[in-house]
Amino acid sequence: MRVLGLSSGTSHDGIDAALVSFTATPGGDELRARLLHHATTAYEPAVRAAIRKALPPGKVRLGDVCALDTRLGQAFAGAATAALDAAGAADLVCSHGQTLFHAATDGTLQLGQPAWIAERTGLPVVADVRIRDVAAGGQGAPLVPVLDLMLLAGRAGRWGAVNLGGIANLTVAVPGEVCAYDTGPGNALVDAAALAVTGEPYDRGGALAAGGTVRTELLDRLLVEPYYARTPPKSTGKELFSAAYLEGAGGYPPADLLATLTELTAVTVADEVRRHRLDHLLLSGGGVHNRTLLARLAAHAPGVTLVRSEEVGLPADAKEAVLFALIGWLTWHGLPGAVPAATGARGPRVVGAITPGAEALRLPTPLATLPRRLTME
């Protein structure tokens, strides 16, 4: 089965698309996946500006939210058709959409109306994949453990996985100790500061931070954030770690500010890696391109082998789109797409809502068990 996964993360810079062919082995213990195509479609500047304006702490009218839902739905439909034109047909689309708000106690909101995708492609679309877990008492995040645990199944050692997106999340894949949660900011604060002080959307390669000095008084003040002391399951987003979070952090040279915020991400991730006594860490997300961040993470997690996800056959920039392709496949086959040990839900749930395509909706007979292992071919 060929599933097109669509995702736009907390960096809100564009739409990642991954077309994945899935084949379940006889007996269903292993799921084999082949990445057929991966591409990123940048948001038009006006759309990205509208997203940035709508994100907390911004104030928007309901009409603006409705219009943005439509514009994002059309943008996701365009990214889907571009991927299908480039790589061939698919059987299903799974679209995460663009998160505008996420606070499990108050719900979670992803925009990008899936009807536009279904209408443009003629394919059924799985979307709105977080809210069912929230309704079951979970955080609705992180969802990536369903992929991480299948990728890392059976490996020797104490493995974990970190996705360095706008928000950083950790999956502990040690048998008997499985958990996952957001550790805090990944690129969110670094990107916000880079935009504010340089006009660029991010610190390319960590070059600016590399030339700066970590200001310990600022770092210590940031580390007092109560989120870090909360007990998992927990999740966070730009509702907390937005540009407004940096108010009062002005007055520092730009390089020093970027160095300190990069150090904050490295310290908060490494603290959790050490807490779980991990010795291997699978890395993905946009942060893997920040050489300064990776160097600081390595310094704070000595003895931990850092492994980029490419080494297990999964391009680091494609991981989230592949995740949602996997979630689409799971939902289509009646299998849970969230891990209760990660989200805190009362139990596993089939996630998402399905928008029919051009043909009548015909679901296969649900599978009895979740594949234990995923192999990227």
Protein backbone atom coordinates (compact mmCIF):
# COMPACT_ATOMS: atom_id res chain seq x y z
CA MET A 1 0.00 0.00 0.00
CA ARG A 2 1.33 3.44 -0.94
CA VAL A 3 0.62 6.22 1.56
CA LEU A 4 1.48 9.89 1.19
CA GLY A 5 2.36 11.52 4.51
CA LEU A 6 2.12 15.31 4.84
CA SER A 7 3.44 17.34 7.73
CA SER A 8 4.35 20.86 8.75
CA GLY A 9 6.06 21.17 12.11
CA THR A 10 6.49 23.87 14.69
CA SER A 11 9.02 25.65 12.50
CA HIS A 12 6.13 26.32 10.06
CA ASP A 13 8.47 26.85 7.12
CA GLY A 14 6.82 24.48 4.66
CA ILE A 15 5.07 21.19 3.99
CA ASP A 16 7.03 17.95 4.00
CA ALA A 17 5.67 15.17 1.80
CA ALA A 18 6.79 11.54 1.88
CA LEU A 19 5.38 8.82 -0.34
CA VAL A 20 5.97 5.47 1.34
CA SER A 21 5.24 1.95 0.13
CA PHE A 22 4.32 -0.36 3.02
CA THR A 23 4.34 -4.16 2.90
CA ALA A 24 3.44 -6.32 5.89
CA THR A 25 5.31 -9.60 6.09
CA PRO A 26 3.43 -12.89 6.52
CA GLY A 27 2.42 -13.17 10.15
CA GLY A 28 2.40 -9.38 10.51
CA ASP A 29 5.40 -9.09 12.85
CA GLU A 30 7.38 -6.87 10.47
CA LEU A 31 6.33 -3.94 8.34
CA ARG A 32 8.65 -3.06 5.46
CA ALA A 33 8.72 0.50 4.20
CA ARG A 34 10.30 1.98 1.11
CA LEU A 35 10.57 5.76 0.84
CA LEU A 36 9.66 6.47 -2.78
CA HIS A 37 9.73 10.26 -2.69
CA HIS A 38 10.40 13.08 -0.26
CA ALA A 39 10.13 16.79 -0.91
CA THR A 40 9.41 20.02 0.92
CA THR A 41 7.10 22.69 -0.45
CA ALA A 42 7.87 26.06 1.11
CA TYR A 43 4.93 28.11 2.30
CA GLU A 44 4.27 31.26 0.35
CA PRO A 45 5.52 34.25 2.40
CA ALA A 46 1.98 35.53 2.95
CA VAL A 47 0.83 32.15 4.30
CA ARG A 48 3.81 31.85 6.61
CA ALA A 49 3.20 35.38 7.86
CA ALA A 50 -0.45 34.50 8.53
CA ILE A 51 0.61 31.40 10.48
CA ARG A 52 3.10 33.41 12.52
CA LYS A 53 0.45 36.03 13.26
CA ALA A 54 -2.04 33.37 14.38
CA LEU A 55 0.34 31.53 16.70
CA PRO A 56 0.30 32.35 20.45
CA PRO A 57 0.56 34.92 21.84
CA GLY A 58 -1.05 36.49 18.75
CA LYS A 59 -4.72 37.44 18.80
CA VAL A 60 -6.79 36.52 15.74
CA ARG A 61 -10.44 36.70 14.75
CA LEU A 62 -12.43 33.56 14.08
CA GLY A 63 -12.83 34.62 10.45
CA ASP A 64 -9.06 34.78 10.09
CA VAL A 65 -8.73 31.26 11.52
CA CYS A 66 -11.34 29.99 9.05
CA ALA A 67 -9.56 31.66 6.14
CA LEU A 68 -6.21 30.25 7.26
CA ASP A 69 -7.72 26.75 7.53
CA THR A 70 -8.79 27.08 3.89
CA ARG A 71 -5.47 28.51 2.69
CA LEU A 72 -3.54 25.78 4.46
CA GLY A 73 -5.86 23.09 3.11
CA GLN A 74 -5.19 24.38 -0.39
CA ALA A 75 -1.45 24.53 0.29
CA PHE A 76 -1.43 20.93 1.54
CA ALA A 77 -3.46 19.89 -1.51
CA GLY A 78 -0.88 21.54 -3.73
CA ALA A 79 1.99 19.77 -1.95
CA ALA A 80 0.14 16.45 -2.29
CA THR A 81 -0.47 16.81 -6.02
CA ALA A 82 3.14 17.89 -6.59
CA ALA A 83 4.37 14.76 -4.80
CA LEU A 84 2.00 12.49 -6.70
CA ASP A 85 2.95 14.08 -10.02
CA ALA A 86 6.62 13.49 -9.21
CA ALA A 87 6.41 9.97 -7.79
CA GLY A 88 3.25 8.32 -9.04
CA ALA A 89 -0.02 7.16 -7.54
CA ALA A 90 -0.93 6.59 -3.91
CA ASP A 91 -3.76 4.78 -2.16
CA LEU A 92 -4.14 7.11 0.80
CA VAL A 93 -3.04 10.47 2.18
CA CYS A 94 -2.40 11.21 5.84
CA SER A 95 -2.11 14.90 6.63
CA HIS A 96 -1.05 16.24 10.00
CA GLY A 97 -1.80 19.82 9.02
CA GLN A 98 -0.29 22.81 10.79
CA THR A 99 -0.53 23.02 14.57
CA LEU A 100 -1.82 26.41 15.69
CA PHE A 101 -2.49 25.51 19.31
CA HIS A 102 -1.61 22.55 21.49
CA ALA A 103 -2.42 22.28 25.18
CA ALA A 104 -3.87 18.90 25.99
CA THR A 105 -6.08 20.19 28.81
CA ASP A 106 -7.67 22.69 26.41
CA GLY A 107 -7.41 20.61 23.24
CA THR A 108 -5.27 20.72 20.15
CA LEU A 109 -5.83 22.50 16.85
CA GLN A 110 -4.30 21.59 13.49
CA LEU A 111 -5.38 23.62 10.47
CA GLY A 112 -5.36 22.55 6.83
CA GLN A 113 -8.85 21.37 5.89
CA PRO A 114 -8.43 17.82 4.46
CA ALA A 115 -11.40 18.16 2.12
CA TRP A 116 -9.23 20.26 -0.18
CA ILE A 117 -6.70 17.41 -0.39
CA ALA A 118 -9.38 14.80 -1.04
CA GLU A 119 -11.00 16.95 -3.72
CA ARG A 120 -7.74 17.71 -5.50
CA THR A 121 -6.25 14.19 -5.37
CA GLY A 122 -9.38 12.03 -5.36
CA LEU A 123 -7.83 10.03 -2.50
CA PRO A 124 -9.16 9.35 1.00
CA VAL A 125 -7.42 11.46 3.63
CA VAL A 126 -6.67 10.65 7.26
CA ALA A 127 -6.37 13.87 9.29
CA ASP A 128 -6.94 15.38 12.74
CA VAL A 129 -4.77 12.66 14.24
CA ARG A 130 -4.12 14.06 17.73
CA ILE A 131 -7.53 14.75 19.23
CA ARG A 132 -8.65 11.14 19.78
CA ASP A 133 -5.69 10.55 22.09
CA VAL A 134 -6.53 13.78 23.95
CA ALA A 135 -10.14 12.64 24.33
CA ALA A 136 -8.80 9.40 25.84
CA GLY A 137 -6.95 11.37 28.51
CA GLY A 138 -3.64 11.68 26.68
CA GLN A 139 -1.44 14.58 25.65
CA GLY A 140 -1.98 13.96 21.94
CA ALA A 141 1.81 14.17 21.70
CA PRO A 142 4.37 13.05 20.97
CA LEU A 143 3.13 10.74 18.23
CA VAL A 144 6.57 9.84 16.88
CA PRO A 145 7.13 6.97 19.38
CA VAL A 146 4.98 4.64 17.27
CA LEU A 147 7.65 4.98 14.56
CA ASP A 148 10.66 5.13 16.87
CA LEU A 149 9.76 1.96 18.75
CA MET A 150 9.26 0.02 15.52
CA LEU A 151 12.52 1.34 14.04
CA LEU A 152 14.58 0.53 17.13
CA ALA A 153 12.99 -2.82 18.03
CA GLY A 154 15.51 -5.56 18.79
CA ARG A 155 18.63 -3.37 18.82
CA ALA A 156 21.29 -4.11 21.41
CA GLY A 157 21.92 -1.43 24.02
CA ARG A 158 19.83 1.28 25.61
CA TRP A 159 18.42 3.16 22.65
CA GLY A 160 16.48 6.37 22.46
CA ALA A 161 15.46 8.75 19.70
CA VAL A 162 15.36 12.55 19.67
CA ASN A 163 13.61 14.62 17.06
CA LEU A 164 15.05 18.14 16.99
CA GLY A 165 12.16 20.05 15.48
CA GLY A 166 10.79 23.34 16.77
CA ILE A 167 10.12 21.38 19.94
CA ALA A 168 12.48 18.55 20.90
CA ASN A 169 11.00 15.20 21.87
CA LEU A 170 12.59 12.08 23.29
CA THR A 171 11.54 8.45 22.89
CA VAL A 172 13.02 5.92 25.32
CA ALA A 173 12.98 2.59 23.47
CA VAL A 174 14.36 0.42 26.28
CA PRO A 175 12.15 -2.65 26.84
CA GLY A 176 10.22 -2.30 30.08
CA GLU A 177 11.05 1.42 30.33
CA VAL A 178 9.24 2.80 27.26
CA CYS A 179 8.19 6.42 27.53
CA ALA A 180 8.30 9.55 25.40
CA TYR A 181 7.73 13.24 25.92
CA ASP A 182 8.69 16.72 24.77
CA THR A 183 11.89 17.79 26.49
CA GLY A 184 11.43 21.48 25.69
CA PRO A 185 12.55 23.77 22.89
CA GLY A 186 14.39 22.28 19.94
CA ASN A 187 14.84 24.99 17.33
CA ALA A 188 11.90 27.18 18.38
CA LEU A 189 13.73 29.75 20.50
CA VAL A 190 16.88 29.69 18.37
CA ASP A 191 14.81 30.36 15.26
CA ALA A 192 12.81 33.12 16.96
CA ALA A 193 15.99 34.84 18.12
CA ALA A 194 17.67 34.45 14.71
CA LEU A 195 14.68 36.06 13.03
CA ALA A 196 14.62 38.91 15.53
CA VAL A 197 18.31 39.76 15.45
CA THR A 198 19.33 38.84 11.89
CA GLY A 199 16.12 38.75 9.86
CA GLU A 200 16.97 35.18 8.84
CA PRO A 201 14.55 32.37 9.79
CA TYR A 202 17.25 30.28 11.49
CA ASP A 203 20.92 30.19 12.43
CA ARG A 204 22.31 28.37 9.42
CA GLY A 205 24.52 25.51 10.56
CA GLY A 206 24.72 27.11 14.03
CA ALA A 207 27.34 29.50 12.63
CA LEU A 208 26.25 32.53 14.65
CA ALA A 209 26.03 30.55 17.89
CA ALA A 210 29.47 29.07 17.24
CA GLY A 211 30.96 32.55 17.44
CA GLY A 212 29.19 33.50 20.64
CA THR A 213 29.67 32.97 24.37
CA VAL A 214 27.10 31.20 26.53
CA ARG A 215 25.79 33.71 29.05
CA THR A 216 25.37 31.61 32.18
CA GLU A 217 23.19 34.15 33.97
CA LEU A 218 20.66 34.01 31.11
CA LEU A 219 20.92 30.23 30.78
CA ASP A 220 20.33 29.75 34.51
CA ARG A 221 17.29 32.01 34.35
CA LEU A 222 15.84 30.06 31.42
CA LEU A 223 16.45 26.70 33.12
CA VAL A 224 14.15 27.71 35.97
CA GLU A 225 11.22 27.14 33.57
CA PRO A 226 8.74 24.88 35.49
CA TYR A 227 8.06 22.71 32.42
CA TYR A 228 11.42 20.96 32.78
CA ALA A 229 10.56 19.71 36.27
CA ARG A 230 7.16 18.31 35.31
CA THR A 231 6.79 14.55 35.36
CA PRO A 232 6.00 12.86 32.00
CA PRO A 233 3.76 12.31 30.19
CA LYS A 234 4.00 15.90 29.08
CA SER A 235 4.00 17.89 25.88
CA THR A 236 4.52 21.51 24.97
CA GLY A 237 4.66 23.83 21.99
CA LYS A 238 4.97 27.43 20.90
CA GLU A 239 2.16 28.30 23.29
CA LEU A 240 5.01 28.36 25.80
CA PHE A 241 8.23 28.57 23.82
CA SER A 242 7.29 31.43 21.50
CA ALA A 243 9.15 34.61 20.63
CA ALA A 244 7.41 36.22 23.60
CA TYR A 245 9.31 33.82 25.85
CA LEU A 246 12.46 35.80 25.07
CA GLU A 247 11.11 39.10 26.37
CA GLY A 248 13.68 40.44 28.78
CA ALA A 249 16.50 38.58 27.07
CA GLY A 250 17.50 41.59 25.01
CA GLY A 251 20.73 43.49 25.44
CA TYR A 252 22.97 40.57 24.62
CA PRO A 253 25.11 40.50 21.47
CA PRO A 254 23.30 38.38 18.84
CA ALA A 255 25.98 35.68 18.82
CA ASP A 256 25.85 35.35 22.61
CA LEU A 257 22.06 35.15 22.60
CA LEU A 258 22.10 32.40 19.95
CA ALA A 259 24.88 30.53 21.75
CA THR A 260 22.89 30.60 25.00
CA LEU A 261 19.64 29.42 23.41
CA THR A 262 21.47 26.65 21.57
CA GLU A 263 23.01 25.61 24.88
CA LEU A 264 19.53 25.58 26.45
CA THR A 265 18.33 23.02 23.91
CA ALA A 266 21.45 20.89 24.29
CA VAL A 267 21.31 20.93 28.09
CA THR A 268 17.61 20.12 28.39
CA VAL A 269 17.82 17.26 25.89
CA ALA A 270 21.01 15.85 27.38
CA ASP A 271 19.60 15.99 30.91
CA GLU A 272 16.80 13.63 29.85
CA VAL A 273 19.15 11.35 27.91
CA ARG A 274 21.30 10.93 31.01
CA ARG A 275 18.25 10.48 33.23
CA HIS A 276 17.29 7.39 31.25
CA ARG A 277 20.90 6.13 31.03
CA LEU A 278 20.75 5.86 27.24
CA ASP A 279 23.86 4.87 25.33
CA HIS A 280 22.62 5.26 21.74
CA LEU A 281 20.55 8.14 20.40
CA LEU A 282 18.87 8.28 16.99
CA LEU A 283 18.70 11.90 15.80
CA SER A 284 16.34 13.50 13.30
CA GLY A 285 14.66 16.82 12.54
CA GLY A 286 15.95 20.15 11.31
CA GLY A 287 18.27 20.51 14.30
CA VAL A 288 20.61 17.85 12.90
CA HIS A 289 21.84 20.50 10.46
CA ASN A 290 22.93 22.74 13.35
CA ARG A 291 26.52 21.65 13.91
CA THR A 292 26.86 23.76 17.04
CA LEU A 293 23.79 22.19 18.60
CA LEU A 294 25.04 18.66 17.88
CA ALA A 295 28.48 19.47 19.29
CA ARG A 296 26.98 20.84 22.50
CA LEU A 297 24.63 17.87 22.80
CA ALA A 298 27.57 15.50 22.47
CA ALA A 299 29.48 17.46 25.10
CA HIS A 300 26.62 17.20 27.58
CA ALA A 301 25.95 13.50 26.87
CA PRO A 302 29.41 11.93 26.98
CA GLY A 303 29.54 8.27 26.14
CA VAL A 304 26.31 8.41 24.15
CA THR A 305 26.61 7.39 20.50
CA LEU A 306 24.76 9.89 18.31
CA VAL A 307 23.32 8.25 15.21
CA ARG A 308 21.60 10.19 12.46
CA SER A 309 18.43 8.54 11.23
CA GLU A 310 19.92 8.18 7.74
CA GLU A 311 21.93 5.30 9.17
CA VAL A 312 18.72 3.29 9.59
CA GLY A 313 17.49 4.27 6.13
CA LEU A 314 15.35 7.25 7.11
CA PRO A 315 16.41 10.75 5.98
CA ALA A 316 16.37 13.06 8.99
CA ASP A 317 14.29 15.70 7.23
CA ALA A 318 11.72 13.12 6.09
CA LYS A 319 11.02 11.52 9.44
CA GLU A 320 7.87 13.40 10.41
CA ALA A 321 6.28 12.98 6.98
CA VAL A 322 7.14 9.26 7.08
CA LEU A 323 5.61 9.12 10.56
CA PHE A 324 2.30 10.40 9.26
CA ALA A 325 2.40 8.02 6.32
CA LEU A 326 2.80 5.24 8.90
CA ILE A 327 -0.04 6.60 11.02
CA GLY A 328 -2.23 6.69 7.91
CA TRP A 329 -1.40 3.03 7.21
CA LEU A 330 -2.17 2.09 10.82
CA THR A 331 -5.49 3.93 10.87
CA TRP A 332 -6.51 2.39 7.56
CA HIS A 333 -5.90 -1.06 9.01
CA GLY A 334 -7.64 -0.38 12.31
CA LEU A 335 -4.46 -0.21 14.39
CA PRO A 336 -3.57 2.34 17.09
CA GLY A 337 -1.37 5.25 16.06
CA ALA A 338 -0.40 6.56 19.50
CA VAL A 339 1.55 4.96 22.34
CA PRO A 340 -0.22 5.32 25.71
CA ALA A 341 3.10 5.03 27.59
CA ALA A 342 4.13 8.20 25.76
CA THR A 343 0.95 10.26 25.75
CA GLY A 344 -0.68 9.13 28.99
CA ALA A 345 -3.93 8.05 27.32
CA ARG A 346 -6.14 5.45 29.00
CA GLY A 347 -5.30 2.98 26.26
CA PRO A 348 -4.30 2.64 22.61
CA ARG A 349 -6.63 4.33 20.13
CA VAL A 350 -7.05 4.31 16.37
CA VAL A 351 -6.42 7.97 15.58
CA GLY A 352 -7.69 10.42 13.01
CA ALA A 353 -10.78 11.02 10.95
CA ILE A 354 -11.11 9.86 7.34
CA THR A 355 -12.37 12.10 4.55
CA PRO A 356 -13.51 9.96 1.59
CA GLY A 357 -11.93 10.44 -1.82
CA ALA A 358 -13.59 10.28 -5.20
CA GLU A 359 -14.69 6.67 -4.74
CA ALA A 360 -16.80 5.02 -2.06
CA LEU A 361 -14.90 4.40 1.16
CA ARG A 362 -13.92 0.74 1.49
CA LEU A 363 -11.76 -0.10 4.47
CA PRO A 364 -9.93 -3.42 4.67
CA THR A 365 -10.58 -5.93 7.42
CA PRO A 366 -8.81 -4.59 10.53
CA LEU A 367 -5.53 -6.26 11.42
CA ALA A 368 -5.35 -8.03 14.77
CA THR A 369 -1.91 -6.89 15.94
CA LEU A 370 0.47 -4.01 15.49
CA PRO A 371 3.70 -4.92 13.65
CA ARG A 372 6.54 -5.05 16.16
CA ARG A 373 9.29 -3.91 13.81
CA LEU A 374 9.59 -1.51 10.87
CA THR A 375 12.40 -1.94 8.37
CA MET A 376 13.31 0.85 5.96
CA GLU A 377 14.34 -0.75 2.66
